[in-house]
């Protein structure tokens, strides 16, 4: 996902702030938003951004860059639930939690959560 207009302004402002710093190289993960943030910084120094997959963070796929005010999260796997809450917990808080036994003949329980963004009132 490319940067938003606000992200582009922020990357340009960062490039201005860093233009007097001596840089020998500019590295970025292979994710587009990281690369597009690094491009103006590298350009201000006459450098090319070096993409390094070892710097990649979690790629959220279609969720990348989205910031909905509310997410309804349904999980049947506690491992992935814990993994995703680590990521989402930085910006969202759990406002509702429901455990549902949709398959009573098994040990599985489904978790339904409503997550609300921290910076949105209500």
PDB file of N, CA and C in Angstrom:
ATOM      1  N   UNK A   1       0.850  -1.170   0.000  1.00  0.00           N
ATOM      2  CA  UNK A   1       0.000   0.000   0.000  1.00  0.00           C
ATOM      3  C   UNK A   1       0.896   1.234   0.000  1.00  0.00           C
ATOM      4  N   UNK A   2       0.706   2.138  -0.946  1.00  0.00           N
ATOM      5  CA  UNK A   2       1.495   3.368  -0.957  1.00  0.00           C
ATOM      6  C   UNK A   2       1.118   4.268   0.224  1.00  0.00           C
ATOM      7  N   UNK A   3       1.920   5.261   0.452  1.00  0.00           N
ATOM      8  CA  UNK A   3       1.652   6.182   1.553  1.00  0.00           C
ATOM      9  C   UNK A   3       0.433   7.042   1.254  1.00  0.00           C
ATOM     10  N   UNK A   4      -0.260   7.430   2.292  1.00  0.00           N
ATOM     11  CA  UNK A   4      -1.357   8.387   2.164  1.00  0.00           C
ATOM     12  C   UNK A   4      -0.741   9.759   1.902  1.00  0.00           C
ATOM     13  N   UNK A   5      -1.532  10.744   1.478  1.00  0.00           N
ATOM     14  CA  UNK A   5      -0.978  12.100   1.310  1.00  0.00           C
ATOM     15  C   UNK A   5      -0.309  12.603   2.593  1.00  0.00           C
ATOM     16  N   UNK A   6      -0.893  12.294   3.754  1.00  0.00           N
ATOM     17  CA  UNK A   6      -0.282  12.683   5.030  1.00  0.00           C
ATOM     18  C   UNK A   6       1.053  11.969   5.225  1.00  0.00           C
ATOM     19  N   UNK A   7       1.103  10.686   4.891  1.00  0.00           N
ATOM     20  CA  UNK A   7       2.343   9.919   4.979  1.00  0.00           C
ATOM     21  C   UNK A   7       3.413  10.474   4.060  1.00  0.00           C
ATOM     22  N   UNK A   8       3.026  10.868   2.856  1.00  0.00           N
ATOM     23  CA  UNK A   8       3.981  11.480   1.923  1.00  0.00           C
ATOM     24  C   UNK A   8       4.539  12.780   2.491  1.00  0.00           C
ATOM     25  N   UNK A   9       3.667  13.597   3.098  1.00  0.00           N
ATOM     26  CA  UNK A   9       4.133  14.848   3.718  1.00  0.00           C
ATOM     27  C   UNK A   9       5.100  14.556   4.865  1.00  0.00           C
ATOM     28  N   UNK A  10       4.772  13.548   5.659  1.00  0.00           N
ATOM     29  CA  UNK A  10       5.635  13.199   6.785  1.00  0.00           C
ATOM     30  C   UNK A  10       6.987  12.675   6.301  1.00  0.00           C
ATOM     31  N   UNK A  11       6.994  11.851   5.269  1.00  0.00           N
ATOM     32  CA  UNK A  11       8.253  11.327   4.728  1.00  0.00           C
ATOM     33  C   UNK A  11       9.100  12.459   4.155  1.00  0.00           C
ATOM     34  N   UNK A  12       8.456  13.391   3.458  1.00  0.00           N
ATOM     35  CA  UNK A  12       9.192  14.551   2.916  1.00  0.00           C
ATOM     36  C   UNK A  12       9.770  15.408   4.038  1.00  0.00           C
ATOM     37  N   UNK A  13       8.990  15.608   5.104  1.00  0.00           N
ATOM     38  CA  UNK A  13       9.476  16.402   6.244  1.00  0.00           C
ATOM     39  C   UNK A  13      10.651  15.699   6.923  1.00  0.00           C
ATOM     40  N   UNK A  14      10.583  14.390   7.025  1.00  0.00           N
ATOM     41  CA  UNK A  14      11.681  13.635   7.617  1.00  0.00           C
ATOM     42  C   UNK A  14      12.936  13.754   6.752  1.00  0.00           C
ATOM     43  N   UNK A  15      12.759  13.715   5.434  1.00  0.00           N
ATOM     44  CA  UNK A  15      13.899  13.874   4.526  1.00  0.00           C
ATOM     45  C   UNK A  15      14.563  15.236   4.724  1.00  0.00           C
ATOM     46  N   UNK A  16      13.758  16.280   4.914  1.00  0.00           N
ATOM     47  CA  UNK A  16      14.299  17.620   5.154  1.00  0.00           C
ATOM     48  C   UNK A  16      15.077  17.635   6.467  1.00  0.00           C
ATOM     49  N   UNK A  17      14.517  17.025   7.519  1.00  0.00           N
ATOM     50  CA  UNK A  17      15.186  16.999   8.816  1.00  0.00           C
ATOM     51  C   UNK A  17      16.508  16.241   8.767  1.00  0.00           C
ATOM     52  N   UNK A  18      16.571  15.211   7.934  1.00  0.00           N
ATOM     53  CA  UNK A  18      17.770  14.371   7.882  1.00  0.00           C
ATOM     54  C   UNK A  18      18.770  14.779   6.804  1.00  0.00           C
ATOM     55  N   UNK A  19      18.448  15.796   6.020  1.00  0.00           N
ATOM     56  CA  UNK A  19      19.315  16.117   4.874  1.00  0.00           C
ATOM     57  C   UNK A  19      20.732  16.505   5.277  1.00  0.00           C
ATOM     58  N   UNK A  20      20.934  17.056   6.471  1.00  0.00           N
ATOM     59  CA  UNK A  20      22.286  17.444   6.887  1.00  0.00           C
ATOM     60  C   UNK A  20      23.028  16.310   7.597  1.00  0.00           C
ATOM     61  N   UNK A  21      22.359  15.191   7.811  1.00  0.00           N
ATOM     62  CA  UNK A  21      23.012  14.037   8.437  1.00  0.00           C
ATOM     63  C   UNK A  21      23.797  13.263   7.388  1.00  0.00           C
ATOM     64  N   UNK A  22      25.021  12.862   7.699  1.00  0.00           N
ATOM     65  CA  UNK A  22      25.798  12.085   6.727  1.00  0.00           C
ATOM     66  C   UNK A  22      25.279  10.639   6.650  1.00  0.00           C
ATOM     67  N   UNK A  23      24.739  10.260   5.523  1.00  0.00           N
ATOM     68  CA  UNK A  23      24.229   8.900   5.323  1.00  0.00           C
ATOM     69  C   UNK A  23      25.016   8.229   4.206  1.00  0.00           C
ATOM     70  N   UNK A  24      25.469   7.020   4.471  1.00  0.00           N
ATOM     71  CA  UNK A  24      26.186   6.257   3.447  1.00  0.00           C
ATOM     72  C   UNK A  24      25.233   5.341   2.684  1.00  0.00           C
ATOM     73  N   UNK A  25      24.120   4.992   3.329  1.00  0.00           N
ATOM     74  CA  UNK A  25      23.143   4.090   2.704  1.00  0.00           C
ATOM     75  C   UNK A  25      21.800   4.267   3.392  1.00  0.00           C
ATOM     76  N   UNK A  26      20.736   3.922   2.666  1.00  0.00           N
ATOM     77  CA  UNK A  26      19.388   3.928   3.221  1.00  0.00           C
ATOM     78  C   UNK A  26      18.792   2.555   2.946  1.00  0.00           C
ATOM     79  N   UNK A  27      18.386   1.879   4.008  1.00  0.00           N
ATOM     80  CA  UNK A  27      17.798   0.545   3.904  1.00  0.00           C
ATOM     81  C   UNK A  27      16.318   0.599   4.239  1.00  0.00           C
ATOM     82  N   UNK A  28      15.577  -0.335   3.662  1.00  0.00           N
ATOM     83  CA  UNK A  28      14.146  -0.444   3.915  1.00  0.00           C
ATOM     84  C   UNK A  28      13.758  -1.900   3.833  1.00  0.00           C
ATOM     85  N   UNK A  29      12.657  -2.255   4.513  1.00  0.00           N
ATOM     86  CA  UNK A  29      12.085  -3.581   4.294  1.00  0.00           C
ATOM     87  C   UNK A  29      11.511  -3.594   2.876  1.00  0.00           C
ATOM     88  N   UNK A  30      11.008  -4.735   2.456  1.00  0.00           N
ATOM     89  CA  UNK A  30      10.436  -4.821   1.105  1.00  0.00           C
ATOM     90  C   UNK A  30       8.983  -4.358   1.060  1.00  0.00           C
ATOM     91  N   UNK A  31       8.414  -4.051   2.221  1.00  0.00           N
ATOM     92  CA  UNK A  31       7.027  -3.575   2.222  1.00  0.00           C
ATOM     93  C   UNK A  31       6.958  -2.168   1.645  1.00  0.00           C
ATOM     94  N   UNK A  32       5.937  -1.924   0.847  1.00  0.00           N
ATOM     95  CA  UNK A  32       5.857  -0.678   0.089  1.00  0.00           C
ATOM     96  C   UNK A  32       5.851   0.571   0.961  1.00  0.00           C
ATOM     97  N   UNK A  33       5.123   0.576   2.061  1.00  0.00           N
ATOM     98  CA  UNK A  33       5.053   1.805   2.853  1.00  0.00           C
ATOM     99  C   UNK A  33       6.408   2.159   3.440  1.00  0.00           C
ATOM    100  N   UNK A  34       7.194   1.135   3.818  1.00  0.00           N
ATOM    101  CA  UNK A  34       8.543   1.393   4.331  1.00  0.00           C
ATOM    102  C   UNK A  34       9.431   1.936   3.208  1.00  0.00           C
ATOM    103  N   UNK A  35       9.323   1.333   2.032  1.00  0.00           N
ATOM    104  CA  UNK A  35      10.123   1.779   0.895  1.00  0.00           C
ATOM    105  C   UNK A  35       9.765   3.220   0.505  1.00  0.00           C
ATOM    106  N   UNK A  36       8.465   3.515   0.396  1.00  0.00           N
ATOM    107  CA  UNK A  36       8.052   4.868   0.002  1.00  0.00           C
ATOM    108  C   UNK A  36       8.409   5.912   1.057  1.00  0.00           C
ATOM    109  N   UNK A  37       8.547   5.512   2.303  1.00  0.00           N
ATOM    110  CA  UNK A  37       9.009   6.442   3.329  1.00  0.00           C
ATOM    111  C   UNK A  37      10.503   6.708   3.157  1.00  0.00           C
ATOM    112  N   UNK A  38      11.245   5.679   2.780  1.00  0.00           N
ATOM    113  CA  UNK A  38      12.695   5.810   2.646  1.00  0.00           C
ATOM    114  C   UNK A  38      13.131   6.547   1.385  1.00  0.00           C
ATOM    115  N   UNK A  39      12.340   6.507   0.318  1.00  0.00           N
ATOM    116  CA  UNK A  39      12.737   7.099  -0.968  1.00  0.00           C
ATOM    117  C   UNK A  39      13.110   8.579  -0.862  1.00  0.00           C
ATOM    118  N   UNK A  40      12.288   9.457  -0.260  1.00  0.00           N
ATOM    119  CA  UNK A  40      12.690  10.864  -0.206  1.00  0.00           C
ATOM    120  C   UNK A  40      13.941  11.100   0.644  1.00  0.00           C
ATOM    121  N   UNK A  41      14.146  10.285   1.650  1.00  0.00           N
ATOM    122  CA  UNK A  41      15.347  10.416   2.475  1.00  0.00           C
ATOM    123  C   UNK A  41      16.578  10.068   1.647  1.00  0.00           C
ATOM    124  N   UNK A  42      16.493   8.956   0.927  1.00  0.00           N
ATOM    125  CA  UNK A  42      17.609   8.547   0.071  1.00  0.00           C
ATOM    126  C   UNK A  42      17.857   9.575  -1.033  1.00  0.00           C
ATOM    127  N   UNK A  43      16.787  10.054  -1.660  1.00  0.00           N
ATOM    128  CA  UNK A  43      16.925  11.026  -2.751  1.00  0.00           C
ATOM    129  C   UNK A  43      17.622  12.300  -2.283  1.00  0.00           C
ATOM    130  N   UNK A  44      17.329  12.742  -1.066  1.00  0.00           N
ATOM    131  CA  UNK A  44      17.950  13.960  -0.537  1.00  0.00           C
ATOM    132  C   UNK A  44      19.461  13.797  -0.357  1.00  0.00           C
ATOM    133  N   UNK A  45      19.924  12.559  -0.344  1.00  0.00           N
ATOM    134  CA  UNK A  45      21.349  12.275  -0.183  1.00  0.00           C
ATOM    135  C   UNK A  45      21.973  11.699  -1.454  1.00  0.00           C
ATOM    136  N   UNK A  46      21.212  11.681  -2.540  1.00  0.00           N
ATOM    137  CA  UNK A  46      21.723  11.132  -3.792  1.00  0.00           C
ATOM    138  C   UNK A  46      21.931   9.625  -3.718  1.00  0.00           C
ATOM    139  N   UNK A  47      21.140   8.958  -2.892  1.00  0.00           N
ATOM    140  CA  UNK A  47      21.281   7.517  -2.707  1.00  0.00           C
ATOM    141  C   UNK A  47      20.063   6.777  -3.255  1.00  0.00           C
ATOM    142  N   UNK A  48      20.204   5.482  -3.402  1.00  0.00           N
ATOM    143  CA  UNK A  48      19.111   4.600  -3.785  1.00  0.00           C
ATOM    144  C   UNK A  48      18.753   3.755  -2.579  1.00  0.00           C
ATOM    145  N   UNK A  49      17.475   3.528  -2.357  1.00  0.00           N
ATOM    146  CA  UNK A  49      17.037   2.702  -1.229  1.00  0.00           C
ATOM    147  C   UNK A  49      17.401   1.248  -1.496  1.00  0.00           C
ATOM    148  N   UNK A  50      17.983   0.604  -0.493  1.00  0.00           N
ATOM    149  CA  UNK A  50      18.319  -0.819  -0.572  1.00  0.00           C
ATOM    150  C   UNK A  50      17.239  -1.576   0.190  1.00  0.00           C
ATOM    151  N   UNK A  51      16.505  -2.413  -0.534  1.00  0.00           N
ATOM    152  CA  UNK A  51      15.449  -3.215   0.100  1.00  0.00           C
ATOM    153  C   UNK A  51      16.054  -4.501   0.651  1.00  0.00           C
ATOM    154  N   UNK A  52      15.742  -4.766   1.907  1.00  0.00           N
ATOM    155  CA  UNK A  52      16.294  -5.947   2.566  1.00  0.00           C
ATOM    156  C   UNK A  52      15.154  -6.705   3.246  1.00  0.00           C
ATOM    157  N   UNK A  53      14.818  -7.894   2.760  1.00  0.00           N
ATOM    158  CA  UNK A  53      13.689  -8.635   3.330  1.00  0.00           C
ATOM    159  C   UNK A  53      13.890  -9.015   4.796  1.00  0.00           C
ATOM    160  N   UNK A  54      15.119  -9.003   5.278  1.00  0.00           N
ATOM    161  CA  UNK A  54      15.349  -9.319   6.697  1.00  0.00           C
ATOM    162  C   UNK A  54      14.763  -8.242   7.605  1.00  0.00           C
ATOM    163  N   UNK A  55      14.429  -7.073   7.034  1.00  0.00           N
ATOM    164  CA  UNK A  55      13.838  -5.988   7.815  1.00  0.00           C
ATOM    165  C   UNK A  55      12.313  -6.011   7.799  1.00  0.00           C
ATOM    166  N   UNK A  56      11.744  -6.979   7.096  1.00  0.00           N
ATOM    167  CA  UNK A  56      10.277  -7.032   6.982  1.00  0.00           C
ATOM    168  C   UNK A  56       9.622  -7.243   8.327  1.00  0.00           C
ATOM    169  N   UNK A  57       8.532  -6.536   8.532  1.00  0.00           N
ATOM    170  CA  UNK A  57       7.696  -6.751   9.700  1.00  0.00           C
ATOM    171  C   UNK A  57       6.512  -7.594   9.266  1.00  0.00           C
ATOM    172  N   UNK A  58       5.516  -7.715  10.091  1.00  0.00           N
ATOM    173  CA  UNK A  58       4.341  -8.508   9.737  1.00  0.00           C
ATOM    174  C   UNK A  58       3.584  -7.821   8.615  1.00  0.00           C
ATOM    175  N   UNK A  59       3.306  -8.545   7.544  1.00  0.00           N
ATOM    176  CA  UNK A  59       2.508  -8.028   6.449  1.00  0.00           C
ATOM    177  C   UNK A  59       1.053  -8.385   6.736  1.00  0.00           C
ATOM    178  N   UNK A  60       0.218  -7.389   6.854  1.00  0.00           N
ATOM    179  CA  UNK A  60      -1.182  -7.603   7.218  1.00  0.00           C
ATOM    180  C   UNK A  60      -2.079  -7.841   6.000  1.00  0.00           C
ATOM    181  N   UNK A  61      -1.491  -8.053   4.827  1.00  0.00           N
ATOM    182  CA  UNK A  61      -2.271  -8.356   3.638  1.00  0.00           C
ATOM    183  C   UNK A  61      -3.267  -7.244   3.313  1.00  0.00           C
ATOM    184  N   UNK A  62      -4.518  -7.605   3.105  1.00  0.00           N
ATOM    185  CA  UNK A  62      -5.543  -6.622   2.758  1.00  0.00           C
ATOM    186  C   UNK A  62      -5.802  -5.634   3.888  1.00  0.00           C
ATOM    187  N   UNK A  63      -5.389  -5.977   5.110  1.00  0.00           N
ATOM    188  CA  UNK A  63      -5.604  -5.085   6.251  1.00  0.00           C
ATOM    189  C   UNK A  63      -4.536  -4.002   6.310  1.00  0.00           C
ATOM    190  N   UNK A  64      -3.455  -4.155   5.557  1.00  0.00           N
ATOM    191  CA  UNK A  64      -2.336  -3.229   5.609  1.00  0.00           C
ATOM    192  C   UNK A  64      -2.804  -1.795   5.400  1.00  0.00           C
ATOM    193  N   UNK A  65      -2.509  -0.940   6.335  1.00  0.00           N
ATOM    194  CA  UNK A  65      -2.825   0.479   6.219  1.00  0.00           C
ATOM    195  C   UNK A  65      -4.240   0.863   6.607  1.00  0.00           C
ATOM    196  N   UNK A  66      -5.116  -0.119   6.814  1.00  0.00           N
ATOM    197  CA  UNK A  66      -6.492   0.207   7.185  1.00  0.00           C
ATOM    198  C   UNK A  66      -6.554   0.588   8.659  1.00  0.00           C
ATOM    199  N   UNK A  67      -7.423   1.517   8.983  1.00  0.00           N
ATOM    200  CA  UNK A  67      -7.589   1.937  10.371  1.00  0.00           C
ATOM    201  C   UNK A  67      -9.068   2.098  10.696  1.00  0.00           C
ATOM    202  N   UNK A  68      -9.856   1.007  10.581  1.00  0.00           N
ATOM    203  CA  UNK A  68     -11.273   1.142  10.913  1.00  0.00           C
ATOM    204  C   UNK A  68     -11.439   1.483  12.392  1.00  0.00           C
ATOM    205  N   UNK A  69     -12.505   2.187  12.713  1.00  0.00           N
ATOM    206  CA  UNK A  69     -12.774   2.565  14.105  1.00  0.00           C
ATOM    207  C   UNK A  69     -13.114   1.341  14.941  1.00  0.00           C
ATOM    208  N   UNK A  70     -13.667   0.307  14.306  1.00  0.00           N
ATOM    209  CA  UNK A  70     -14.104  -0.868  15.039  1.00  0.00           C
ATOM    210  C   UNK A  70     -13.852  -2.117  14.199  1.00  0.00           C
ATOM    211  N   UNK A  71     -13.434  -3.168  14.858  1.00  0.00           N
ATOM    212  CA  UNK A  71     -13.211  -4.451  14.196  1.00  0.00           C
ATOM    213  C   UNK A  71     -13.970  -5.511  14.984  1.00  0.00           C
ATOM    214  N   UNK A  72     -14.717  -6.348  14.290  1.00  0.00           N
ATOM    215  CA  UNK A  72     -15.312  -7.523  14.920  1.00  0.00           C
ATOM    216  C   UNK A  72     -14.425  -8.690  14.505  1.00  0.00           C
ATOM    217  N   UNK A  73     -13.788  -9.291  15.482  1.00  0.00           N
ATOM    218  CA  UNK A  73     -12.798 -10.340  15.253  1.00  0.00           C
ATOM    219  C   UNK A  73     -13.378 -11.663  15.736  1.00  0.00           C
ATOM    220  N   UNK A  74     -13.376 -12.664  14.872  1.00  0.00           N
ATOM    221  CA  UNK A  74     -13.873 -13.987  15.217  1.00  0.00           C
ATOM    222  C   UNK A  74     -12.718 -14.966  15.077  1.00  0.00           C
ATOM    223  N   UNK A  75     -12.499 -15.746  16.126  1.00  0.00           N
ATOM    224  CA  UNK A  75     -11.387 -16.691  16.107  1.00  0.00           C
ATOM    225  C   UNK A  75     -11.802 -18.019  16.705  1.00  0.00           C
ATOM    226  N   UNK A  76     -11.307 -19.094  16.107  1.00  0.00           N
ATOM    227  CA  UNK A  76     -11.519 -20.420  16.686  1.00  0.00           C
ATOM    228  C   UNK A  76     -10.179 -21.013  17.119  1.00  0.00           C
ATOM    229  N   UNK A  77      -9.125 -20.206  17.057  1.00  0.00           N
ATOM    230  CA  UNK A  77      -7.789 -20.693  17.376  1.00  0.00           C
ATOM    231  C   UNK A  77      -7.110 -19.743  18.360  1.00  0.00           C
ATOM    232  N   UNK A  78      -6.896 -20.162  19.602  1.00  0.00           N
ATOM    233  CA  UNK A  78      -6.283 -19.289  20.595  1.00  0.00           C
ATOM    234  C   UNK A  78      -4.876 -18.824  20.214  1.00  0.00           C
ATOM    235  N   UNK A  79      -4.144 -19.621  19.449  1.00  0.00           N
ATOM    236  CA  UNK A  79      -2.787 -19.242  19.048  1.00  0.00           C
ATOM    237  C   UNK A  79      -2.807 -18.047  18.104  1.00  0.00           C
ATOM    238  N   UNK A  80      -3.662 -18.102  17.080  1.00  0.00           N
ATOM    239  CA  UNK A  80      -3.728 -16.969  16.151  1.00  0.00           C
ATOM    240  C   UNK A  80      -4.391 -15.763  16.804  1.00  0.00           C
ATOM    241  N   UNK A  81      -5.326 -16.008  17.700  1.00  0.00           N
ATOM    242  CA  UNK A  81      -5.944 -14.917  18.438  1.00  0.00           C
ATOM    243  C   UNK A  81      -4.876 -14.155  19.229  1.00  0.00           C
ATOM    244  N   UNK A  82      -4.032 -14.868  19.956  1.00  0.00           N
ATOM    245  CA  UNK A  82      -2.967 -14.231  20.732  1.00  0.00           C
ATOM    246  C   UNK A  82      -1.998 -13.485  19.816  1.00  0.00           C
ATOM    247  N   UNK A  83      -1.641 -14.096  18.691  1.00  0.00           N
ATOM    248  CA  UNK A  83      -0.729 -13.453  17.739  1.00  0.00           C
ATOM    249  C   UNK A  83      -1.313 -12.148  17.213  1.00  0.00           C
ATOM    250  N   UNK A  84      -2.586 -12.194  16.795  1.00  0.00           N
ATOM    251  CA  UNK A  84      -3.211 -11.016  16.202  1.00  0.00           C
ATOM    252  C   UNK A  84      -3.461  -9.922  17.241  1.00  0.00           C
ATOM    253  N   UNK A  85      -3.780 -10.316  18.476  1.00  0.00           N
ATOM    254  CA  UNK A  85      -3.984  -9.308  19.517  1.00  0.00           C
ATOM    255  C   UNK A  85      -2.692  -8.586  19.864  1.00  0.00           C
ATOM    256  N   UNK A  86      -1.554  -9.266  19.711  1.00  0.00           N
ATOM    257  CA  UNK A  86      -0.267  -8.591  19.919  1.00  0.00           C
ATOM    258  C   UNK A  86      -0.126  -7.419  18.951  1.00  0.00           C
ATOM    259  N   UNK A  87      -0.515  -7.648  17.713  1.00  0.00           N
ATOM    260  CA  UNK A  87      -0.414  -6.608  16.682  1.00  0.00           C
ATOM    261  C   UNK A  87      -1.513  -5.560  16.857  1.00  0.00           C
ATOM    262  N   UNK A  88      -2.744  -6.015  16.982  1.00  0.00           N
ATOM    263  CA  UNK A  88      -3.875  -5.092  17.076  1.00  0.00           C
ATOM    264  C   UNK A  88      -3.910  -4.351  18.407  1.00  0.00           C
ATOM    265  N   UNK A  89      -3.373  -4.944  19.447  1.00  0.00           N
ATOM    266  CA  UNK A  89      -3.412  -4.350  20.775  1.00  0.00           C
ATOM    267  C   UNK A  89      -2.681  -3.024  20.888  1.00  0.00           C
ATOM    268  N   UNK A  90      -1.798  -2.739  19.952  1.00  0.00           N
ATOM    269  CA  UNK A  90      -1.084  -1.464  19.975  1.00  0.00           C
ATOM    270  C   UNK A  90      -2.020  -0.296  19.666  1.00  0.00           C
ATOM    271  N   UNK A  91      -3.082  -0.545  18.920  1.00  0.00           N
ATOM    272  CA  UNK A  91      -3.980   0.544  18.511  1.00  0.00           C
ATOM    273  C   UNK A  91      -5.438   0.333  18.913  1.00  0.00           C
ATOM    274  N   UNK A  92      -5.761  -0.880  19.304  1.00  0.00           N
ATOM    275  CA  UNK A  92      -7.151  -1.204  19.613  1.00  0.00           C
ATOM    276  C   UNK A  92      -7.266  -1.763  21.027  1.00  0.00           C
ATOM    277  N   UNK A  93      -8.430  -1.569  21.617  1.00  0.00           N
ATOM    278  CA  UNK A  93      -8.722  -2.176  22.914  1.00  0.00           C
ATOM    279  C   UNK A  93      -9.943  -3.069  22.739  1.00  0.00           C
ATOM    280  N   UNK A  94      -9.997  -4.122  23.530  1.00  0.00           N
ATOM    281  CA  UNK A  94     -11.142  -5.033  23.490  1.00  0.00           C
ATOM    282  C   UNK A  94     -12.286  -4.364  24.233  1.00  0.00           C
ATOM    283  N   UNK A  95     -13.395  -4.130  23.543  1.00  0.00           N
ATOM    284  CA  UNK A  95     -14.550  -3.510  24.201  1.00  0.00           C
ATOM    285  C   UNK A  95     -15.641  -4.534  24.513  1.00  0.00           C
ATOM    286  N   UNK A  96     -15.651  -5.650  23.797  1.00  0.00           N
ATOM    287  CA  UNK A  96     -16.596  -6.739  24.085  1.00  0.00           C
ATOM    288  C   UNK A  96     -15.893  -8.051  23.800  1.00  0.00           C
ATOM    289  N   UNK A  97     -16.222  -9.060  24.581  1.00  0.00           N
ATOM    290  CA  UNK A  97     -15.658 -10.389  24.391  1.00  0.00           C
ATOM    291  C   UNK A  97     -16.745 -11.421  24.649  1.00  0.00           C
ATOM    292  N   UNK A  98     -16.942 -12.325  23.694  1.00  0.00           N
ATOM    293  CA  UNK A  98     -17.967 -13.369  23.832  1.00  0.00           C
ATOM    294  C   UNK A  98     -17.348 -14.699  23.436  1.00  0.00           C
ATOM    295  N   UNK A  99     -17.557 -15.703  24.264  1.00  0.00           N
ATOM    296  CA  UNK A  99     -17.123 -17.061  23.951  1.00  0.00           C
ATOM    297  C   UNK A  99     -18.371 -17.833  23.512  1.00  0.00           C
ATOM    298  N   UNK A 100     -18.259 -18.526  22.387  1.00  0.00           N
ATOM    299  CA  UNK A 100     -19.413 -19.243  21.851  1.00  0.00           C
ATOM    300  C   UNK A 100     -19.028 -20.697  21.581  1.00  0.00           C
ATOM    301  N   UNK A 101     -19.906 -21.598  21.966  1.00  0.00           N
ATOM    302  CA  UNK A 101     -19.699 -23.013  21.711  1.00  0.00           C
ATOM    303  C   UNK A 101     -20.569 -23.418  20.521  1.00  0.00           C
ATOM    304  N   UNK A 102     -20.034 -23.244  19.327  1.00  0.00           N
ATOM    305  CA  UNK A 102     -20.801 -23.561  18.119  1.00  0.00           C
ATOM    306  C   UNK A 102     -20.770 -25.042  17.778  1.00  0.00           C
ATOM    307  N   UNK A 103     -19.809 -25.752  18.348  1.00  0.00           N
ATOM    308  CA  UNK A 103     -19.677 -27.182  18.070  1.00  0.00           C
ATOM    309  C   UNK A 103     -19.620 -27.936  19.403  1.00  0.00           C
ATOM    310  N   UNK A 104     -20.776 -28.157  20.037  1.00  0.00           N
ATOM    311  CA  UNK A 104     -20.804 -28.705  21.393  1.00  0.00           C
ATOM    312  C   UNK A 104     -20.193 -30.096  21.546  1.00  0.00           C
ATOM    313  N   UNK A 105     -20.073 -30.845  20.474  1.00  0.00           N
ATOM    314  CA  UNK A 105     -19.490 -32.182  20.584  1.00  0.00           C
ATOM    315  C   UNK A 105     -17.957 -32.145  20.537  1.00  0.00           C
ATOM    316  N   UNK A 106     -17.378 -30.963  20.458  1.00  0.00           N
ATOM    317  CA  UNK A 106     -15.915 -30.834  20.412  1.00  0.00           C
ATOM    318  C   UNK A 106     -15.457 -29.952  21.571  1.00  0.00           C
ATOM    319  N   UNK A 107     -14.157 -29.846  21.715  1.00  0.00           N
ATOM    320  CA  UNK A 107     -13.589 -28.990  22.757  1.00  0.00           C
ATOM    321  C   UNK A 107     -13.382 -27.552  22.266  1.00  0.00           C
ATOM    322  N   UNK A 108     -13.697 -27.262  21.013  1.00  0.00           N
ATOM    323  CA  UNK A 108     -13.460 -25.941  20.432  1.00  0.00           C
ATOM    324  C   UNK A 108     -14.458 -24.894  20.943  1.00  0.00           C
ATOM    325  N   UNK A 109     -13.950 -23.715  21.215  1.00  0.00           N
ATOM    326  CA  UNK A 109     -14.786 -22.554  21.517  1.00  0.00           C
ATOM    327  C   UNK A 109     -14.409 -21.444  20.548  1.00  0.00           C
ATOM    328  N   UNK A 110     -15.394 -20.731  20.062  1.00  0.00           N
ATOM    329  CA  UNK A 110     -15.135 -19.596  19.192  1.00  0.00           C
ATOM    330  C   UNK A 110     -15.125 -18.334  20.045  1.00  0.00           C
ATOM    331  N   UNK A 111     -14.226 -17.426  19.710  1.00  0.00           N
ATOM    332  CA  UNK A 111     -14.131 -16.149  20.402  1.00  0.00           C
ATOM    333  C   UNK A 111     -14.603 -15.063  19.452  1.00  0.00           C
ATOM    334  N   UNK A 112     -15.524 -14.246  19.913  1.00  0.00           N
ATOM    335  CA  UNK A 112     -15.987 -13.102  19.138  1.00  0.00           C
ATOM    336  C   UNK A 112     -15.650 -11.857  19.959  1.00  0.00           C
ATOM    337  N   UNK A 113     -14.867 -10.970  19.380  1.00  0.00           N
ATOM    338  CA  UNK A 113     -14.461  -9.747  20.075  1.00  0.00           C
ATOM    339  C   UNK A 113     -14.813  -8.533  19.251  1.00  0.00           C
ATOM    340  N   UNK A 114     -15.145  -7.474  19.930  1.00  0.00           N
ATOM    341  CA  UNK A 114     -15.276  -6.162  19.294  1.00  0.00           C
ATOM    342  C   UNK A 114     -14.073  -5.363  19.780  1.00  0.00           C
ATOM    343  N   UNK A 115     -13.270  -4.913  18.831  1.00  0.00           N
ATOM    344  CA  UNK A 115     -12.089  -4.110  19.130  1.00  0.00           C
ATOM    345  C   UNK A 115     -12.355  -2.681  18.682  1.00  0.00           C
ATOM    346  N   UNK A 116     -12.054  -1.723  19.528  1.00  0.00           N
ATOM    347  CA  UNK A 116     -12.245  -0.310  19.173  1.00  0.00           C
ATOM    348  C   UNK A 116     -10.893   0.389  19.163  1.00  0.00           C
ATOM    349  N   UNK A 117     -10.721   1.242  18.167  1.00  0.00           N
ATOM    350  CA  UNK A 117      -9.473   1.988  18.041  1.00  0.00           C
ATOM    351  C   UNK A 117      -9.293   2.910  19.237  1.00  0.00           C
ATOM    352  N   UNK A 118      -8.092   2.982  19.764  1.00  0.00           N
ATOM    353  CA  UNK A 118      -7.779   3.795  20.945  1.00  0.00           C
ATOM    354  C   UNK A 118      -8.059   5.282  20.736  1.00  0.00           C
ATOM    355  N   UNK A 119      -7.838   5.793  19.542  1.00  0.00           N
ATOM    356  CA  UNK A 119      -7.958   7.231  19.305  1.00  0.00           C
ATOM    357  C   UNK A 119      -9.351   7.676  18.874  1.00  0.00           C
ATOM    358  N   UNK A 120     -10.335   6.783  19.002  1.00  0.00           N
ATOM    359  CA  UNK A 120     -11.705   7.115  18.614  1.00  0.00           C
ATOM    360  C   UNK A 120     -12.581   7.048  19.869  1.00  0.00           C
ATOM    361  N   UNK A 121     -13.219   8.129  20.178  1.00  0.00           N
ATOM    362  CA  UNK A 121     -14.096   8.172  21.373  1.00  0.00           C
ATOM    363  C   UNK A 121     -15.350   7.328  21.143  1.00  0.00           C
ATOM    364  N   UNK A 122     -15.883   6.812  22.245  1.00  0.00           N
ATOM    365  CA  UNK A 122     -17.155   6.116  22.149  1.00  0.00           C
ATOM    366  C   UNK A 122     -17.005   4.731  22.435  1.00  0.00           C
TER     367      UNK A 122
END
